[in-house]
Amino acid sequence: MPGAEPFSFSGGPFGVLVLHGFTGSPASMRPLARAVADAGFTVELPRLPGHGTTIEDMKSTDWSDWSGAALAAYDDLAARCEAVAVVGLSMGGGLTAHVALEREVAGCVFINPLVKAVPAELYAGLEELLAAGIEEFDSVGEDIKKEGVSEGSYPATPLACAKSLFDGVAALNVKLEAISAPALLLQSREDHVVTADNGDELVARCGGPLERIWLEDSYHVATLDNDQALVESATLSFLERTLRP
C-alpha cells in the first residue's frame, strides 16, 4: 500500500526500533521515525508481516510472526548499536513490552499500548464469530481526531488474527513486572480502540521507572493526530535522557 514501506536510517551509535499497530503499517509511525532519525539516532521501522499489503496477506500471519519480526529487527539494531530503545503504538506497544521482556532494551516508549488481556466476554464473542465461519469484522483503524488524516489501515479486521493478538498480549501481560527498563507512556484521554486501563496496567505493574504523559487532543493514532508534536518532543526527550545520559 502507498506509504506502507518500512523506514530505515543509519545514524549514530544508539538505535531506536519503532513498531506500528495491528492492521496498520509504517505510515502511522513514519513521521515519528523521521523525527528520531533527524535527531541522529539509528532507526528501524519495519513493516510487520501481513501488514500494509492486503487483508488476505494478513490472514496467513499471527502473533508469532509479528513478535518474531520485532525481535529480529531489535537484534539487527543491537548488532550495530551500543544500546537500543523501542517505541510502539497500540499492538506495537504490546510488541515493545514483548521485546523488553525478551531482550536487554535501554528504554521503552508506549503510545496507547495494548498490554492487557481483553475481557472474557469479548474473547468468547470472538470465538463464537470464528466458530460461525465469520472471518472479518469492522475496522479498528483510523481512530484520528484530526480531520483529513489517514493511517492507511485495513478496511476490516481479520478475526483469527485478532484472536492471536489477544492470546499474545495475555501471555506477556502476566510478566509485565519483569520489564526493568525506564519507560515513557503517552496516553490519549479519549481512545476508541484501546481502553485506558491498559495504561493503568503499565503504571501499576512495570518493574522499572515509568512516566505517563496524557494527550488531551488526540484519539488512538496519536502519532498522526493533534498531539503529534508533543508525542515527538516527549519521545525525543526521553530517548536523549535514556540513550545519551
Foldseek 3Di string as FASTA:
>chain_A
DPQQAKDWDDFDQEEEEEEEADLFGCLLVVVLQVLLVVVGHTYTYHGFFQHPPAVVRVVVDAPCRRLVVSLVVVVVSVVRHPAYEYEYAALGLLSNLVNLLVDVHLEYEYELYDQAQDDPVVLVVLVVCVVVVNFWAADLADQKQDPPDHRPGYRIHGSVRVNRSNVSSHVSLVVQLSRAHEYEYEYEPAEPRHDPVSVVSNVPRHNYHYHYDYDDFIYRSCCGYPCVVVSSVVVNVVCCVRVVD
